Amino acid sequence: QVQLVESGGGLVQAGGSLRLSCAASGSIFSISIMGWYRQASGESRELVAAITSGGTTNYADSVKGRFTISRDNAKNTAYLQMNSLKPEDTAVYYCNMKIGIRHYWGQGMQVTVSS
């Protein structure tokens, strides 16, 4: 069984920064893709950023230049450094990891950016 545990969300003022973390535990051989998604109230869940095992990254246009995704393979952990936060970044953020042929989700955590 695989479990993803997220941390780092919260309330921040516009222009501020937050760092999200997501640690995987359980029966893990390798994690091919680590990603962060978000879902704002009344909106669909969207991809924010993803990183492959080789380090290739992909970002939503809305966060390019402000957010940075990284991973620590030894710790089975993904990170999302969020800078220059805007009120429109307010959402529930979810971690996702592809382990083997399955995708696993974290429980989600609220990020609120006040203006």
N, C-alpha and C. Protein backbone atom coordinates (compact mmCIF):
# COMPACT_ATOMS: atom_id res chain seq x y z
N GLN A 1 0.84 -1.19 0.00
CA GLN A 1 0.00 0.00 0.00
C GLN A 1 0.87 1.24 0.00
N VAL A 2 0.50 2.21 -0.81
CA VAL A 2 1.25 3.45 -0.92
C VAL A 2 0.43 4.59 -0.33
N GLN A 3 1.11 5.44 0.40
CA GLN A 3 0.45 6.61 0.99
C GLN A 3 1.26 7.85 0.68
N LEU A 4 0.56 8.92 0.31
CA LEU A 4 1.21 10.21 0.06
C LEU A 4 0.76 11.18 1.15
N VAL A 5 1.73 11.82 1.77
CA VAL A 5 1.42 12.78 2.84
C VAL A 5 1.96 14.14 2.44
N GLU A 6 1.06 15.11 2.39
CA GLU A 6 1.40 16.46 1.96
C GLU A 6 1.56 17.39 3.16
N SER A 7 2.37 18.41 2.98
CA SER A 7 2.53 19.42 4.02
C SER A 7 2.96 20.74 3.39
N GLY A 8 2.77 21.82 4.13
CA GLY A 8 3.27 23.12 3.69
C GLY A 8 2.22 24.11 3.24
N GLY A 9 0.99 23.69 3.14
CA GLY A 9 -0.05 24.62 2.71
C GLY A 9 -0.39 25.62 3.80
N GLY A 10 -1.23 26.58 3.45
CA GLY A 10 -1.65 27.57 4.44
C GLY A 10 -2.07 28.87 3.82
N LEU A 11 -2.04 29.91 4.65
CA LEU A 11 -2.47 31.25 4.24
C LEU A 11 -1.25 32.14 4.07
N VAL A 12 -1.21 32.87 2.97
CA VAL A 12 -0.08 33.77 2.70
C VAL A 12 -0.60 35.01 1.98
N GLN A 13 0.10 36.11 2.15
CA GLN A 13 -0.28 37.33 1.44
C GLN A 13 0.22 37.30 0.01
N ALA A 14 -0.45 38.03 -0.83
CA ALA A 14 0.00 38.15 -2.22
C ALA A 14 1.44 38.61 -2.26
N GLY A 15 2.20 37.98 -3.15
CA GLY A 15 3.62 38.29 -3.26
C GLY A 15 4.50 37.41 -2.40
N GLY A 16 3.89 36.65 -1.51
CA GLY A 16 4.63 35.78 -0.62
C GLY A 16 4.97 34.44 -1.25
N SER A 17 5.54 33.58 -0.41
CA SER A 17 6.01 32.27 -0.88
C SER A 17 5.54 31.17 0.06
N LEU A 18 5.40 29.99 -0.52
CA LEU A 18 5.14 28.77 0.23
C LEU A 18 5.89 27.64 -0.43
N ARG A 19 6.25 26.65 0.38
CA ARG A 19 6.88 25.44 -0.15
C ARG A 19 6.05 24.23 0.26
N LEU A 20 5.54 23.54 -0.74
CA LEU A 20 4.76 22.34 -0.49
C LEU A 20 5.66 21.12 -0.58
N SER A 21 5.35 20.13 0.25
CA SER A 21 6.08 18.87 0.22
C SER A 21 5.09 17.72 0.15
N CYS A 22 5.54 16.63 -0.46
CA CYS A 22 4.71 15.43 -0.56
C CYS A 22 5.63 14.22 -0.46
N ALA A 23 5.45 13.45 0.60
CA ALA A 23 6.29 12.28 0.84
C ALA A 23 5.50 11.00 0.63
N ALA A 24 6.08 10.10 -0.14
CA ALA A 24 5.44 8.80 -0.39
C ALA A 24 6.05 7.75 0.52
N SER A 25 5.19 6.86 1.00
CA SER A 25 5.67 5.75 1.83
C SER A 25 4.91 4.49 1.44
N GLY A 26 5.51 3.35 1.80
CA GLY A 26 4.87 2.08 1.49
C GLY A 26 5.71 1.27 0.53
N SER A 27 5.03 0.44 -0.25
CA SER A 27 5.72 -0.46 -1.18
C SER A 27 6.05 0.30 -2.46
N ILE A 28 7.25 0.87 -2.49
CA ILE A 28 7.66 1.72 -3.61
C ILE A 28 8.94 1.18 -4.22
N PHE A 29 8.89 0.90 -5.52
CA PHE A 29 10.10 0.50 -6.22
C PHE A 29 10.73 1.71 -6.89
N SER A 30 9.92 2.40 -7.68
CA SER A 30 10.40 3.64 -8.29
C SER A 30 9.19 4.51 -8.62
N ILE A 31 9.44 5.80 -8.63
CA ILE A 31 8.39 6.77 -8.93
C ILE A 31 8.76 7.46 -10.23
N SER A 32 8.00 7.22 -11.27
CA SER A 32 8.39 7.76 -12.57
C SER A 32 8.04 9.24 -12.67
N ILE A 33 6.85 9.61 -12.27
CA ILE A 33 6.43 11.00 -12.40
C ILE A 33 5.87 11.49 -11.07
N MET A 34 6.29 12.67 -10.68
CA MET A 34 5.73 13.35 -9.52
C MET A 34 5.09 14.64 -10.02
N GLY A 35 3.91 14.94 -9.52
CA GLY A 35 3.23 16.12 -10.00
C GLY A 35 2.39 16.79 -8.93
N TRP A 36 2.07 18.04 -9.21
CA TRP A 36 1.18 18.81 -8.35
C TRP A 36 0.00 19.30 -9.19
N TYR A 37 -1.18 19.15 -8.66
CA TYR A 37 -2.40 19.63 -9.27
C TYR A 37 -3.08 20.58 -8.29
N ARG A 38 -4.01 21.35 -8.81
CA ARG A 38 -4.79 22.20 -7.92
C ARG A 38 -6.22 22.29 -8.43
N GLN A 39 -7.09 22.57 -7.48
CA GLN A 39 -8.50 22.71 -7.82
C GLN A 39 -9.08 23.88 -7.04
N ALA A 40 -9.40 24.94 -7.76
CA ALA A 40 -10.03 26.08 -7.14
C ALA A 40 -11.53 25.82 -6.99
N SER A 41 -12.15 26.54 -6.10
CA SER A 41 -13.57 26.35 -5.85
C SER A 41 -14.37 26.55 -7.13
N GLY A 42 -15.18 25.55 -7.47
CA GLY A 42 -16.02 25.63 -8.66
C GLY A 42 -15.31 25.35 -9.97
N GLU A 43 -14.04 25.00 -9.89
CA GLU A 43 -13.25 24.75 -11.09
C GLU A 43 -12.82 23.28 -11.16
N SER A 44 -12.33 22.89 -12.34
CA SER A 44 -11.81 21.55 -12.51
C SER A 44 -10.39 21.47 -11.99
N ARG A 45 -9.98 20.27 -11.65
CA ARG A 45 -8.59 20.09 -11.21
C ARG A 45 -7.66 20.28 -12.41
N GLU A 46 -6.56 20.98 -12.19
CA GLU A 46 -5.62 21.25 -13.27
C GLU A 46 -4.20 20.92 -12.85
N LEU A 47 -3.40 20.56 -13.84
CA LEU A 47 -1.98 20.29 -13.59
C LEU A 47 -1.27 21.61 -13.35
N VAL A 48 -0.48 21.65 -12.29
CA VAL A 48 0.34 22.82 -11.99
C VAL A 48 1.76 22.59 -12.47
N ALA A 49 2.33 21.45 -12.10
CA ALA A 49 3.71 21.15 -12.47
C ALA A 49 3.95 19.66 -12.33
N ALA A 50 4.89 19.15 -13.11
CA ALA A 50 5.25 17.74 -13.03
C ALA A 50 6.74 17.60 -13.31
N ILE A 51 7.30 16.51 -12.78
CA ILE A 51 8.72 16.24 -12.99
C ILE A 51 8.91 14.74 -13.17
N THR A 52 9.70 14.37 -14.17
CA THR A 52 9.96 12.97 -14.42
C THR A 52 11.14 12.49 -13.58
N SER A 53 11.38 11.20 -13.63
CA SER A 53 12.51 10.64 -12.89
C SER A 53 13.84 11.16 -13.44
N GLY A 54 13.84 11.57 -14.69
CA GLY A 54 15.05 12.11 -15.29
C GLY A 54 15.23 13.60 -15.06
N GLY A 55 14.24 14.22 -14.42
CA GLY A 55 14.36 15.63 -14.11
C GLY A 55 13.69 16.57 -15.09
N THR A 56 13.03 16.05 -16.08
CA THR A 56 12.31 16.90 -17.02
C THR A 56 11.06 17.47 -16.34
N THR A 57 10.89 18.77 -16.49
CA THR A 57 9.77 19.43 -15.82
C THR A 57 8.77 19.99 -16.83
N ASN A 58 7.56 20.17 -16.34
CA ASN A 58 6.49 20.74 -17.15
C ASN A 58 5.64 21.62 -16.22
N TYR A 59 5.29 22.81 -16.70
CA TYR A 59 4.54 23.75 -15.87
C TYR A 59 3.32 24.29 -16.61
N ALA A 60 2.29 24.58 -15.85
CA ALA A 60 1.17 25.32 -16.41
C ALA A 60 1.66 26.73 -16.75
N ASP A 61 1.13 27.29 -17.81
CA ASP A 61 1.57 28.62 -18.23
C ASP A 61 1.37 29.65 -17.12
N SER A 62 0.35 29.47 -16.33
CA SER A 62 0.01 30.45 -15.31
C SER A 62 1.02 30.51 -14.16
N VAL A 63 1.87 29.49 -14.05
CA VAL A 63 2.83 29.47 -12.93
C VAL A 63 4.27 29.52 -13.39
N LYS A 64 4.50 29.51 -14.68
CA LYS A 64 5.87 29.52 -15.20
C LYS A 64 6.60 30.76 -14.70
N GLY A 65 7.83 30.54 -14.23
CA GLY A 65 8.63 31.65 -13.73
C GLY A 65 8.38 31.96 -12.26
N ARG A 66 7.33 31.39 -11.69
CA ARG A 66 7.02 31.64 -10.28
C ARG A 66 7.13 30.38 -9.42
N PHE A 67 6.76 29.25 -9.98
CA PHE A 67 6.77 27.98 -9.25
C PHE A 67 7.91 27.11 -9.76
N THR A 68 8.48 26.31 -8.84
CA THR A 68 9.53 25.37 -9.20
C THR A 68 9.23 24.03 -8.55
N ILE A 69 9.18 23.00 -9.38
CA ILE A 69 8.98 21.65 -8.86
C ILE A 69 10.34 20.95 -8.77
N SER A 70 10.52 20.16 -7.73
CA SER A 70 11.75 19.39 -7.58
C SER A 70 11.41 18.08 -6.87
N ARG A 71 12.38 17.18 -6.84
CA ARG A 71 12.16 15.90 -6.19
C ARG A 71 13.42 15.40 -5.53
N ASP A 72 13.24 14.63 -4.49
CA ASP A 72 14.34 13.95 -3.80
C ASP A 72 14.03 12.46 -3.89
N ASN A 73 14.69 11.78 -4.79
CA ASN A 73 14.37 10.37 -5.02
C ASN A 73 14.70 9.50 -3.82
N ALA A 74 15.74 9.85 -3.09
CA ALA A 74 16.13 9.06 -1.92
C ALA A 74 15.06 9.12 -0.84
N LYS A 75 14.32 10.22 -0.81
CA LYS A 75 13.27 10.40 0.20
C LYS A 75 11.88 10.18 -0.35
N ASN A 76 11.80 9.84 -1.66
CA ASN A 76 10.48 9.67 -2.31
C ASN A 76 9.59 10.88 -2.06
N THR A 77 10.17 12.05 -2.22
CA THR A 77 9.48 13.29 -1.88
C THR A 77 9.50 14.27 -3.05
N ALA A 78 8.37 14.92 -3.24
CA ALA A 78 8.25 15.98 -4.22
C ALA A 78 8.06 17.30 -3.50
N TYR A 79 8.56 18.35 -4.15
CA TYR A 79 8.44 19.70 -3.58
C TYR A 79 7.87 20.65 -4.64
N LEU A 80 7.18 21.65 -4.15
CA LEU A 80 6.72 22.72 -5.03
C LEU A 80 7.01 24.04 -4.34
N GLN A 81 8.00 24.75 -4.85
CA GLN A 81 8.33 26.07 -4.33
C GLN A 81 7.48 27.08 -5.08
N MET A 82 6.67 27.82 -4.34
CA MET A 82 5.76 28.78 -4.96
C MET A 82 6.14 30.19 -4.51
N ASN A 83 6.57 31.00 -5.46
CA ASN A 83 6.95 32.37 -5.19
C ASN A 83 6.00 33.34 -5.88
N SER A 84 6.06 34.57 -5.47
CA SER A 84 5.22 35.63 -6.08
C SER A 84 3.77 35.18 -6.19
N LEU A 85 3.26 34.66 -5.10
CA LEU A 85 1.91 34.11 -5.12
C LEU A 85 0.86 35.18 -5.37
N LYS A 86 -0.18 34.78 -6.07
CA LYS A 86 -1.28 35.67 -6.44
C LYS A 86 -2.58 35.13 -5.86
N PRO A 87 -3.55 35.98 -5.67
CA PRO A 87 -4.85 35.49 -5.16
C PRO A 87 -5.44 34.38 -6.04
N GLU A 88 -5.17 34.43 -7.34
CA GLU A 88 -5.71 33.41 -8.23
C GLU A 88 -5.02 32.06 -8.07
N ASP A 89 -3.97 32.00 -7.28
CA ASP A 89 -3.34 30.71 -6.95
C ASP A 89 -4.08 29.99 -5.83
N THR A 90 -5.05 30.65 -5.23
CA THR A 90 -5.82 30.03 -4.15
C THR A 90 -6.55 28.79 -4.66
N ALA A 91 -6.34 27.66 -3.99
CA ALA A 91 -6.91 26.39 -4.41
C ALA A 91 -6.54 25.31 -3.40
N VAL A 92 -7.12 24.15 -3.59
CA VAL A 92 -6.65 22.95 -2.90
C VAL A 92 -5.59 22.32 -3.80
N TYR A 93 -4.43 22.09 -3.24
CA TYR A 93 -3.31 21.52 -3.99
C TYR A 93 -3.17 20.03 -3.66
N TYR A 94 -3.02 19.24 -4.72
CA TYR A 94 -2.91 17.80 -4.58
C TYR A 94 -1.58 17.31 -5.17
N CYS A 95 -0.97 16.40 -4.47
CA CYS A 95 0.22 15.73 -4.97
C CYS A 95 -0.23 14.47 -5.72
N ASN A 96 0.46 14.15 -6.79
CA ASN A 96 0.19 12.93 -7.55
C ASN A 96 1.50 12.26 -7.91
N MET A 97 1.56 10.96 -7.75
CA MET A 97 2.77 10.22 -8.12
C MET A 97 2.39 8.99 -8.92
N LYS A 98 3.14 8.75 -9.99
CA LYS A 98 2.95 7.55 -10.78
C LYS A 98 3.98 6.52 -10.31
N ILE A 99 3.48 5.43 -9.72
CA ILE A 99 4.34 4.38 -9.18
C ILE A 99 3.93 3.09 -9.87
N GLY A 100 4.84 2.56 -10.67
CA GLY A 100 4.45 1.43 -11.49
C GLY A 100 3.45 1.88 -12.54
N ILE A 101 2.32 1.22 -12.60
CA ILE A 101 1.30 1.59 -13.57
C ILE A 101 0.15 2.38 -12.94
N ARG A 102 0.28 2.67 -11.64
CA ARG A 102 -0.82 3.32 -10.93
C ARG A 102 -0.44 4.76 -10.56
N HIS A 103 -1.49 5.57 -10.47
CA HIS A 103 -1.33 6.93 -9.97
C HIS A 103 -1.90 7.00 -8.56
N TYR A 104 -1.19 7.68 -7.70
CA TYR A 104 -1.63 7.84 -6.32
C TYR A 104 -1.79 9.34 -6.03
N TRP A 105 -2.78 9.65 -5.18
CA TRP A 105 -3.08 11.04 -4.84
C TRP A 105 -2.87 11.30 -3.35
N GLY A 106 -2.40 12.49 -3.05
CA GLY A 106 -2.38 12.95 -1.67
C GLY A 106 -3.78 13.40 -1.27
N GLN A 107 -3.89 13.78 0.00
CA GLN A 107 -5.21 14.12 0.54
C GLN A 107 -5.65 15.53 0.16
N GLY A 108 -4.71 16.33 -0.32
CA GLY A 108 -5.04 17.70 -0.69
C GLY A 108 -4.86 18.64 0.47
N MET A 109 -4.39 19.85 0.18
CA MET A 109 -4.25 20.86 1.22
C MET A 109 -4.56 22.24 0.65
N GLN A 110 -5.14 23.06 1.51
CA GLN A 110 -5.58 24.38 1.09
C GLN A 110 -4.41 25.34 1.05
N VAL A 111 -4.34 26.09 -0.04
CA VAL A 111 -3.44 27.23 -0.16
C VAL A 111 -4.32 28.44 -0.44
N THR A 112 -4.23 29.43 0.43
CA THR A 112 -5.03 30.64 0.29
C THR A 112 -4.10 31.84 0.21
N VAL A 113 -4.26 32.62 -0.85
CA VAL A 113 -3.45 33.82 -1.05
C VAL A 113 -4.36 35.03 -0.90
N SER A 114 -4.08 35.84 0.11
CA SER A 114 -4.91 37.01 0.35
C SER A 114 -4.35 38.22 -0.38
N SER A 115 -5.25 39.08 -0.81
CA SER A 115 -4.82 40.27 -1.56
C SER A 115 -4.55 41.44 -0.64
